[in-house]
C-alpha atoms as a PDB file:
ATOM      1  CA  MET A   1      20.332 -17.386   0.569  1.00  0.00           C
ATOM      2  CA  MET A   2      18.568 -15.959  -2.465  1.00  0.00           C
ATOM      3  CA  GLN A   3      17.693 -12.301  -2.675  1.00  0.00           C
ATOM      4  CA  ARG A   4      14.003 -11.450  -2.699  1.00  0.00           C
ATOM      5  CA  TYR A   5      13.898 -10.572  -6.400  1.00  0.00           C
ATOM      6  CA  GLU A   6      15.670 -13.842  -7.325  1.00  0.00           C
ATOM      7  CA  LEU A   7      13.299 -15.846  -5.166  1.00  0.00           C
ATOM      8  CA  PHE A   8      10.160 -14.261  -6.626  1.00  0.00           C
ATOM      9  CA  ARG A   9      11.538 -14.616 -10.159  1.00  0.00           C
ATOM     10  CA  GLN A  10      12.164 -18.327  -9.484  1.00  0.00           C
ATOM     11  CA  MET A  11       8.633 -18.835  -8.157  1.00  0.00           C
ATOM     12  CA  ARG A  12       7.131 -16.838 -11.037  1.00  0.00           C
ATOM     13  CA  ASP A  13       8.975 -18.830 -13.676  1.00  0.00           C
ATOM     14  CA  VAL A  14       8.123 -22.215 -12.153  1.00  0.00           C
ATOM     15  CA  LEU A  15       4.440 -21.357 -11.705  1.00  0.00           C
ATOM     16  CA  ALA A  16       4.212 -19.835 -15.196  1.00  0.00           C
ATOM     17  CA  SER A  17       5.619 -23.033 -16.687  1.00  0.00           C
ATOM     18  CA  LEU A  18       3.014 -25.121 -14.844  1.00  0.00           C
ATOM     19  CA  TYR A  19      -0.030 -22.888 -15.332  1.00  0.00           C
ATOM     20  CA  LEU A  20       0.218 -21.289 -18.753  1.00  0.00           C
ATOM     21  CA  ASP A  21      -3.328 -20.070 -19.214  1.00  0.00           C
ATOM     22  CA  LYS A  22      -5.161 -17.377 -17.276  1.00  0.00           C
ATOM     23  CA  ASP A  23      -8.054 -19.604 -16.175  1.00  0.00           C
ATOM     24  CA  ARG A  24      -5.823 -22.181 -14.472  1.00  0.00           C
ATOM     25  CA  ALA A  25      -3.720 -19.441 -12.855  1.00  0.00           C
ATOM     26  CA  GLU A  26      -6.868 -17.743 -11.573  1.00  0.00           C
ATOM     27  CA  THR A  27      -8.147 -21.036 -10.138  1.00  0.00           C
ATOM     28  CA  VAL A  28      -4.887 -21.576  -8.243  1.00  0.00           C
ATOM     29  CA  ALA A  29      -5.042 -18.016  -6.922  1.00  0.00           C
ATOM     30  CA  LYS A  30      -8.628 -18.544  -5.723  1.00  0.00           C
ATOM     31  CA  ASP A  31      -7.738 -21.889  -4.144  1.00  0.00           C
ATOM     32  CA  ALA A  32      -4.972 -20.104  -2.220  1.00  0.00           C
ATOM     33  CA  GLY A  33      -7.493 -17.633  -0.798  1.00  0.00           C
ATOM     34  CA  LEU A  34      -6.786 -14.698  -3.096  1.00  0.00           C
ATOM     35  CA  ASP A  35      -9.460 -12.457  -4.564  1.00  0.00           C
ATOM     36  CA  PRO A  36      -8.912 -12.356  -8.350  1.00  0.00           C
ATOM     37  CA  ARG A  37     -10.622  -8.953  -8.554  1.00  0.00           C
ATOM     38  CA  TRP A  38      -7.378  -7.464  -7.166  1.00  0.00           C
ATOM     39  CA  ILE A  39      -5.112  -9.215  -9.684  1.00  0.00           C
ATOM     40  CA  ALA A  40      -4.315  -7.685 -13.076  1.00  0.00           C
ATOM     41  CA  PHE A  41      -4.409 -10.673 -15.414  1.00  0.00           C
ATOM     42  CA  SER A  42      -2.848 -10.561 -18.871  1.00  0.00           C
ATOM     43  CA  PRO A  43      -2.393 -12.897 -21.843  1.00  0.00           C
ATOM     44  CA  ARG A  44       1.200 -13.653 -20.727  1.00  0.00           C
ATOM     45  CA  ALA A  45       1.696 -16.331 -18.064  1.00  0.00           C
ATOM     46  CA  VAL A  46       4.759 -14.646 -16.531  1.00  0.00           C
ATOM     47  CA  ASP A  47       2.832 -11.396 -16.132  1.00  0.00           C
ATOM     48  CA  ASN A  48      -0.069 -13.240 -14.505  1.00  0.00           C
ATOM     49  CA  TRP A  49       2.203 -14.966 -12.035  1.00  0.00           C
ATOM     50  CA  ARG A  50       4.040 -11.784 -11.167  1.00  0.00           C
ATOM     51  CA  ALA A  51       0.689 -10.123 -10.405  1.00  0.00           C
ATOM     52  CA  ILE A  52      -0.559 -13.170  -8.472  1.00  0.00           C
ATOM     53  CA  LEU A  53       2.648 -13.407  -6.421  1.00  0.00           C
ATOM     54  CA  ASP A  54       2.535  -9.666  -5.672  1.00  0.00           C
ATOM     55  CA  GLU A  55      -1.034 -10.007  -4.412  1.00  0.00           C
ATOM     56  CA  ALA A  56      -0.161 -13.148  -2.475  1.00  0.00           C
ATOM     57  CA  GLU A  57       2.777 -11.380  -0.807  1.00  0.00           C
ATOM     58  CA  ARG A  58       0.576  -8.427   0.171  1.00  0.00           C
ATOM     59  CA  ASN A  59      -1.893 -10.858   1.760  1.00  0.00           C
ATOM     60  CA  ASP A  60       0.643 -13.258   3.293  1.00  0.00           C
ATOM     61  CA  ARG A  61      -0.662 -16.068   1.066  1.00  0.00           C
ATOM     62  CA  VAL A  62       2.465 -17.061  -0.907  1.00  0.00           C
ATOM     63  CA  TRP A  63       2.823 -20.179   1.230  1.00  0.00           C
ATOM     64  CA  ALA A  64      -0.809 -21.092   0.450  1.00  0.00           C
ATOM     65  CA  LEU A  65      -0.243 -20.502  -3.264  1.00  0.00           C
ATOM     66  CA  LEU A  66       2.797 -22.779  -3.241  1.00  0.00           C
ATOM     67  CA  ASP A  67       0.906 -25.429  -1.261  1.00  0.00           C
ATOM     68  CA  VAL A  68      -1.885 -25.478  -3.851  1.00  0.00           C
ATOM     69  CA  ALA A  69       0.676 -25.934  -6.627  1.00  0.00           C
ATOM     70  CA  VAL A  70       2.627 -28.606  -4.709  1.00  0.00           C
ATOM     71  CA  ASN A  71      -0.611 -30.533  -4.081  1.00  0.00           C
ATOM     72  CA  GLN A  72      -1.091 -30.653  -7.858  1.00  0.00           C
ATOM     73  CA  TYR A  73       2.562 -31.153  -8.856  1.00  0.00           C
ATOM     74  CA  ALA A  74       4.089 -32.981  -5.873  1.00  0.00           C
ATOM     75  CA  LYS A  75       6.919 -34.469  -7.950  1.00  0.00           C
ATOM     76  CA  LYS A  76       7.954 -31.280  -9.741  1.00  0.00           C
ATOM     77  CA  GLN A  77      11.426 -30.682  -8.264  1.00  0.00           C
ATOM     78  CA  GLU A  78      11.676 -27.053  -9.441  1.00  0.00           C
ATOM     79  CA  LEU A  79       8.467 -26.281  -7.561  1.00  0.00           C
ATOM     80  CA  LEU A  80       9.661 -28.065  -4.423  1.00  0.00           C
ATOM     81  CA  ASP A  81      12.929 -26.122  -4.617  1.00  0.00           C
ATOM     82  CA  ALA A  82      11.071 -22.827  -5.005  1.00  0.00           C
ATOM     83  CA  ARG A  83       8.871 -23.597  -2.000  1.00  0.00           C
ATOM     84  CA  ALA A  84      11.894 -24.562   0.114  1.00  0.00           C
ATOM     85  CA  ALA A  85      13.695 -21.352  -0.885  1.00  0.00           C
ATOM     86  CA  TYR A  86      10.637 -19.261  -0.001  1.00  0.00           C
ATOM     87  CA  LEU A  87      10.201 -20.944   3.386  1.00  0.00           C
ATOM     88  CA  GLY A  88      13.918 -20.405   4.084  1.00  0.00           C
ATOM     89  CA  TRP A  89      13.619 -16.724   3.194  1.00  0.00           C
ATOM     90  CA  VAL A  90      10.615 -16.339   5.487  1.00  0.00           C
ATOM     91  CA  ALA A  91      12.396 -18.210   8.306  1.00  0.00           C
ATOM     92  CA  ALA A  92      15.339 -15.821   7.914  1.00  0.00           C
ATOM     93  CA  GLY A  93      13.012 -12.879   8.565  1.00  0.00           C
ATOM     94  CA  ARG A  94      12.395 -11.843   4.944  1.00  0.00           C
ATOM     95  CA  PRO A  95      15.783 -10.112   4.573  1.00  0.00           C
ATOM     96  CA  LEU A  96      15.963  -7.097   2.300  1.00  0.00           C
ATOM     97  CA  THR A  97      18.706  -6.325  -0.188  1.00  0.00           C
ATOM     98  CA  GLU A  98      20.882  -3.288   0.469  1.00  0.00           C
ATOM     99  CA  ARG A  99      18.930  -1.337  -2.160  1.00  0.00           C
ATOM    100  CA  GLU A 100      15.595  -2.268  -0.565  1.00  0.00           C
ATOM    101  CA  ARG A 101      16.951  -1.219   2.847  1.00  0.00           C
ATOM    102  CA  GLN A 102      18.036   2.150   1.425  1.00  0.00           C
ATOM    103  CA  LEU A 103      14.612   2.707  -0.110  1.00  0.00           C
ATOM    104  CA  GLN A 104      12.996   1.801   3.211  1.00  0.00           C
ATOM    105  CA  VAL A 105      15.208   4.341   5.026  1.00  0.00           C
ATOM    106  CA  LEU A 106      14.193   7.041   2.545  1.00  0.00           C
ATOM    107  CA  ALA A 107      10.535   6.125   2.939  1.00  0.00           C
ATOM    108  CA  ASN A 108      10.839   6.315   6.718  1.00  0.00           C
ATOM    109  CA  THR A 109      12.741   9.622   6.502  1.00  0.00           C
ATOM    110  CA  TYR A 110       9.940  11.209   4.494  1.00  0.00           C
ATOM    111  CA  HIS A 111       7.247   9.515   6.597  1.00  0.00           C
ATOM    112  CA  LEU A 112       5.800   7.598   3.684  1.00  0.00           C
ATOM    113  CA  ALA A 113       3.278   5.072   4.937  1.00  0.00           C
ATOM    114  CA  PRO A 114       4.513   1.471   4.874  1.00  0.00           C
ATOM    115  CA  PRO A 115       2.354  -1.221   3.317  1.00  0.00           C
ATOM    116  CA  GLU A 116      -0.451  -2.468   5.560  1.00  0.00           C
ATOM    117  CA  ASP A 117       1.381  -5.724   6.206  1.00  0.00           C
ATOM    118  CA  GLY A 118       4.480  -3.798   7.293  1.00  0.00           C
ATOM    119  CA  PHE A 119       7.062  -6.061   5.665  1.00  0.00           C
ATOM    120  CA  ALA A 120       6.959  -5.539   1.913  1.00  0.00           C
ATOM    121  CA  PRO A 121       9.878  -3.400   0.776  1.00  0.00           C
ATOM    122  CA  VAL A 122       9.228   0.000  -0.765  1.00  0.00           C
ATOM    123  CA  THR A 123       9.717  -0.082  -4.518  1.00  0.00           C
ATOM    124  CA  PRO A 124      11.447   2.725  -6.418  1.00  0.00           C
ATOM    125  CA  VAL A 125       8.161   3.649  -8.108  1.00  0.00           C
ATOM    126  CA  ALA A 126       6.250   3.796  -4.821  1.00  0.00           C
ATOM    127  CA  LEU A 127       9.048   5.866  -3.309  1.00  0.00           C
ATOM    128  CA  ALA A 128       9.047   8.298  -6.237  1.00  0.00           C
ATOM    129  CA  VAL A 129       5.263   8.691  -6.087  1.00  0.00           C
ATOM    130  CA  GLY A 130       5.345   9.161  -2.326  1.00  0.00           C
ATOM    131  CA  LEU A 131       8.182  11.677  -2.464  1.00  0.00           C
ATOM    132  CA  GLY A 132       6.416  13.551  -5.251  1.00  0.00           C
ATOM    133  CA  GLN A 133       3.233  13.790  -3.177  1.00  0.00           C
ATOM    134  CA  CYS A 134       5.196  14.833  -0.109  1.00  0.00           C
ATOM    135  CA  LEU A 135       7.038  17.582  -2.010  1.00  0.00           C
ATOM    136  CA  ALA A 136       3.828  18.785  -3.664  1.00  0.00           C
ATOM    137  CA  GLU A 137       2.129  19.054  -0.248  1.00  0.00           C
ATOM    138  CA  ARG A 138       5.087  20.980   1.162  1.00  0.00           C
ATOM    139  CA  HIS A 139       5.132  23.319  -1.845  1.00  0.00           C
ATOM    140  CA  THR A 140       1.390  23.961  -1.519  1.00  0.00           C
ATOM    141  CA  ALA A 141       1.727  24.588   2.233  1.00  0.00           C
ATOM    142  CA  ALA A 142       4.649  26.976   1.685  1.00  0.00           C
ATOM    143  CA  ARG A 143       2.556  29.014  -0.761  1.00  0.00           C
ATOM    144  CA  GLY A 144      -0.320  29.125   1.699  1.00  0.00           C
ATOM    145  CA  GLU A 145      -2.696  27.224  -0.564  1.00  0.00           C
ATOM    146  CA  THR A 146      -5.160  24.660   0.721  1.00  0.00           C
END
C-alpha cells in the first residue's frame, strides 16, 4: 500500500495534468462541495491541486473530488488508479507513516489540539508552531506574567 504522501502526490499530479488552469480546478473543487474561499490558488497547477487536496482532506471530500474528475475523464487510467489507491488507503484506516505517528505522539504528549476531523496527521510545521506556543505559555506562566 502507498504511503499517504505518495498517494497525495499521485492524485495531485494526475489532477494537475487534467486541469491545468485555475478556473477549471476551481470549478472541480466547487463541484466536489468545497468552498474556494478556503483554497490558496496560484498560477501553478500542482500548487493549486495540493491546496485543493489539502482542503478536500480536511473536509472529507477527496472521494467527491475524485468522483467529479472520474465523471469527466472516465477512461483516464491514471485517474482511475489514483482513485482506487485512495479508496484502498481509506479502507485500510488511513494508515500513517512512522514519522507521522511519531509527530502525532509528540502532539499528544504536549496536548496540541488535533485537527477538527481527528484523522489528519500533524505536520512538522504545525508541531513546531504548537510546541513554540506551548513553551511560550509555560515561560510566561513561570515568570508570573499574564
